Amino acid sequence: DRIDRKLENSTDADLSRTRGDLGSVGSLRRSWKHHVVDEAKLRAVCGPLGPHFTSEALENATFHVMRAHQSSFTGERVEGETIGVPGVLFAYETDAQIR
């Protein structure tokens, strides 16, 4: 019963945690990621300055928009058009991390 309760209350990260011989700990982590899939559409909503922004500036701005709106995201994938950022896809992805 104790093991069953522990499994029921564990997250995916808890179940994926492994320890290395020298003290490192590996586990899974989920977080929102942004992907610019159509840079032309994204530049079009930037107004007259759109053509002058670097790709890095567009990526940074998209990241900040994602962080500001991610509390309202539902599901695993969100199209940018739903929050006024066309050409961008937001996805909830799993990554491995080692500490």
C-alpha atoms as a PDB file:
ATOM      1  CA  ASP A   1       0.000   0.000   0.000  1.00  0.00           C
ATOM      2  CA  ARG A   2       2.834   2.396   0.836  1.00  0.00           C
ATOM      3  CA  ILE A   3       4.433   1.894  -2.592  1.00  0.00           C
ATOM      4  CA  ASP A   4       1.068   2.335  -4.341  1.00  0.00           C
ATOM      5  CA  ARG A   5       0.468   5.643  -2.532  1.00  0.00           C
ATOM      6  CA  LYS A   6       3.950   6.832  -3.412  1.00  0.00           C
ATOM      7  CA  LEU A   7       3.381   6.005  -7.105  1.00  0.00           C
ATOM      8  CA  GLU A   8      -0.016   7.725  -7.166  1.00  0.00           C
ATOM      9  CA  ASN A   9       1.418  10.956  -5.715  1.00  0.00           C
ATOM     10  CA  SER A  10       4.543  11.027  -7.932  1.00  0.00           C
ATOM     11  CA  THR A  11       5.024  13.257 -10.953  1.00  0.00           C
ATOM     12  CA  ASP A  12       6.683  12.176 -14.199  1.00  0.00           C
ATOM     13  CA  ALA A  13       9.838  13.949 -13.038  1.00  0.00           C
ATOM     14  CA  ASP A  14       9.836  11.951  -9.788  1.00  0.00           C
ATOM     15  CA  LEU A  15       9.478   8.672 -11.665  1.00  0.00           C
ATOM     16  CA  SER A  16      12.237   9.529 -14.151  1.00  0.00           C
ATOM     17  CA  ARG A  17      14.827  10.617 -11.562  1.00  0.00           C
ATOM     18  CA  THR A  18      18.100   8.691 -11.668  1.00  0.00           C
ATOM     19  CA  ARG A  19      21.277   9.207  -9.685  1.00  0.00           C
ATOM     20  CA  GLY A  20      24.759   8.930 -11.134  1.00  0.00           C
ATOM     21  CA  ASP A  21      27.779   7.380  -9.446  1.00  0.00           C
ATOM     22  CA  LEU A  22      29.363  10.785  -8.772  1.00  0.00           C
ATOM     23  CA  GLY A  23      26.272  12.511  -7.380  1.00  0.00           C
ATOM     24  CA  SER A  24      24.621  13.873 -10.525  1.00  0.00           C
ATOM     25  CA  VAL A  25      20.829  13.619 -10.772  1.00  0.00           C
ATOM     26  CA  GLY A  26      19.005  13.261 -14.064  1.00  0.00           C
ATOM     27  CA  SER A  27      15.269  13.760 -14.552  1.00  0.00           C
ATOM     28  CA  LEU A  28      12.631  14.928 -17.000  1.00  0.00           C
ATOM     29  CA  ARG A  29      11.278  18.469 -17.036  1.00  0.00           C
ATOM     30  CA  ARG A  30       8.362  19.982 -18.953  1.00  0.00           C
ATOM     31  CA  SER A  31       8.252  23.581 -20.118  1.00  0.00           C
ATOM     32  CA  TRP A  32       6.719  25.782 -22.793  1.00  0.00           C
ATOM     33  CA  LYS A  33       8.857  26.388 -25.920  1.00  0.00           C
ATOM     34  CA  HIS A  34       8.236  28.774 -28.798  1.00  0.00           C
ATOM     35  CA  HIS A  35       8.926  28.038 -32.457  1.00  0.00           C
ATOM     36  CA  VAL A  36       8.808  30.682 -35.181  1.00  0.00           C
ATOM     37  CA  VAL A  37       7.355  28.760 -38.139  1.00  0.00           C
ATOM     38  CA  ASP A  38       6.600  31.690 -40.473  1.00  0.00           C
ATOM     39  CA  GLU A  39       8.875  34.671 -39.936  1.00  0.00           C
ATOM     40  CA  ALA A  40       7.171  36.719 -42.670  1.00  0.00           C
ATOM     41  CA  LYS A  41       3.798  36.554 -40.865  1.00  0.00           C
ATOM     42  CA  LEU A  42       5.462  37.533 -37.600  1.00  0.00           C
ATOM     43  CA  ARG A  43       7.249  40.488 -39.210  1.00  0.00           C
ATOM     44  CA  ALA A  44       3.972  41.650 -40.769  1.00  0.00           C
ATOM     45  CA  VAL A  45       2.381  42.266 -37.348  1.00  0.00           C
ATOM     46  CA  CYS A  46       5.416  44.263 -36.164  1.00  0.00           C
ATOM     47  CA  GLY A  47       4.357  47.314 -38.149  1.00  0.00           C
ATOM     48  CA  PRO A  48       6.817  49.482 -40.087  1.00  0.00           C
ATOM     49  CA  LEU A  49       9.747  48.296 -37.958  1.00  0.00           C
ATOM     50  CA  GLY A  50       9.173  44.619 -38.815  1.00  0.00           C
ATOM     51  CA  PRO A  51      11.667  44.433 -41.702  1.00  0.00           C
ATOM     52  CA  HIS A  52      14.379  45.992 -39.529  1.00  0.00           C
ATOM     53  CA  PHE A  53      14.208  43.527 -36.612  1.00  0.00           C
ATOM     54  CA  THR A  54      16.842  40.804 -36.530  1.00  0.00           C
ATOM     55  CA  SER A  55      15.754  37.181 -36.228  1.00  0.00           C
ATOM     56  CA  GLU A  56      17.185  37.175 -32.704  1.00  0.00           C
ATOM     57  CA  ALA A  57      15.069  40.196 -31.734  1.00  0.00           C
ATOM     58  CA  LEU A  58      11.942  38.433 -33.039  1.00  0.00           C
ATOM     59  CA  GLU A  59      12.839  35.279 -31.063  1.00  0.00           C
ATOM     60  CA  ASN A  60      13.345  37.314 -27.881  1.00  0.00           C
ATOM     61  CA  ALA A  61      10.074  39.195 -28.307  1.00  0.00           C
ATOM     62  CA  THR A  62       8.234  35.936 -28.981  1.00  0.00           C
ATOM     63  CA  PHE A  63       9.700  34.436 -25.793  1.00  0.00           C
ATOM     64  CA  HIS A  64       8.439  37.383 -23.719  1.00  0.00           C
ATOM     65  CA  VAL A  65       4.966  37.183 -25.286  1.00  0.00           C
ATOM     66  CA  MET A  66       4.899  33.458 -24.482  1.00  0.00           C
ATOM     67  CA  ARG A  67       5.866  34.066 -20.841  1.00  0.00           C
ATOM     68  CA  ALA A  68       3.200  36.758 -20.484  1.00  0.00           C
ATOM     69  CA  HIS A  69       0.423  34.533 -21.882  1.00  0.00           C
ATOM     70  CA  GLN A  70       1.415  30.985 -20.903  1.00  0.00           C
ATOM     71  CA  SER A  71      -0.916  30.895 -17.900  1.00  0.00           C
ATOM     72  CA  SER A  72      -3.833  30.976 -20.353  1.00  0.00           C
ATOM     73  CA  PHE A  73      -2.445  28.210 -22.629  1.00  0.00           C
ATOM     74  CA  THR A  74      -4.422  24.971 -22.704  1.00  0.00           C
ATOM     75  CA  GLY A  75      -3.341  21.672 -24.195  1.00  0.00           C
ATOM     76  CA  GLU A  76       0.067  20.685 -25.530  1.00  0.00           C
ATOM     77  CA  ARG A  77       0.211  23.081 -28.518  1.00  0.00           C
ATOM     78  CA  VAL A  78      -1.062  26.622 -28.997  1.00  0.00           C
ATOM     79  CA  GLU A  79      -1.104  28.466 -32.313  1.00  0.00           C
ATOM     80  CA  GLY A  80       0.227  32.008 -32.043  1.00  0.00           C
ATOM     81  CA  GLU A  81      -2.746  33.437 -33.937  1.00  0.00           C
ATOM     82  CA  THR A  82      -4.931  32.829 -30.882  1.00  0.00           C
ATOM     83  CA  ILE A  83      -2.994  35.468 -28.909  1.00  0.00           C
ATOM     84  CA  GLY A  84      -2.176  37.822 -31.799  1.00  0.00           C
ATOM     85  CA  VAL A  85       1.244  36.438 -32.779  1.00  0.00           C
ATOM     86  CA  PRO A  86       0.833  34.764 -36.184  1.00  0.00           C
ATOM     87  CA  GLY A  87       3.573  32.512 -37.511  1.00  0.00           C
ATOM     88  CA  VAL A  88       4.485  31.158 -34.061  1.00  0.00           C
ATOM     89  CA  LEU A  89       3.747  27.812 -32.434  1.00  0.00           C
ATOM     90  CA  PHE A  90       3.929  27.314 -28.663  1.00  0.00           C
ATOM     91  CA  ALA A  91       4.427  23.733 -27.444  1.00  0.00           C
ATOM     92  CA  TYR A  92       4.659  22.115 -24.012  1.00  0.00           C
ATOM     93  CA  GLU A  93       7.750  19.894 -24.370  1.00  0.00           C
ATOM     94  CA  THR A  94       9.648  17.409 -22.238  1.00  0.00           C
ATOM     95  CA  ASP A  95      13.413  17.842 -21.781  1.00  0.00           C
ATOM     96  CA  ALA A  96      16.020  15.883 -19.886  1.00  0.00           C
ATOM     97  CA  GLN A  97      18.019  17.771 -17.284  1.00  0.00           C
ATOM     98  CA  ILE A  98      21.105  16.838 -15.293  1.00  0.00           C
ATOM     99  CA  ARG A  99      21.972  18.567 -12.030  1.00  0.00           C
END
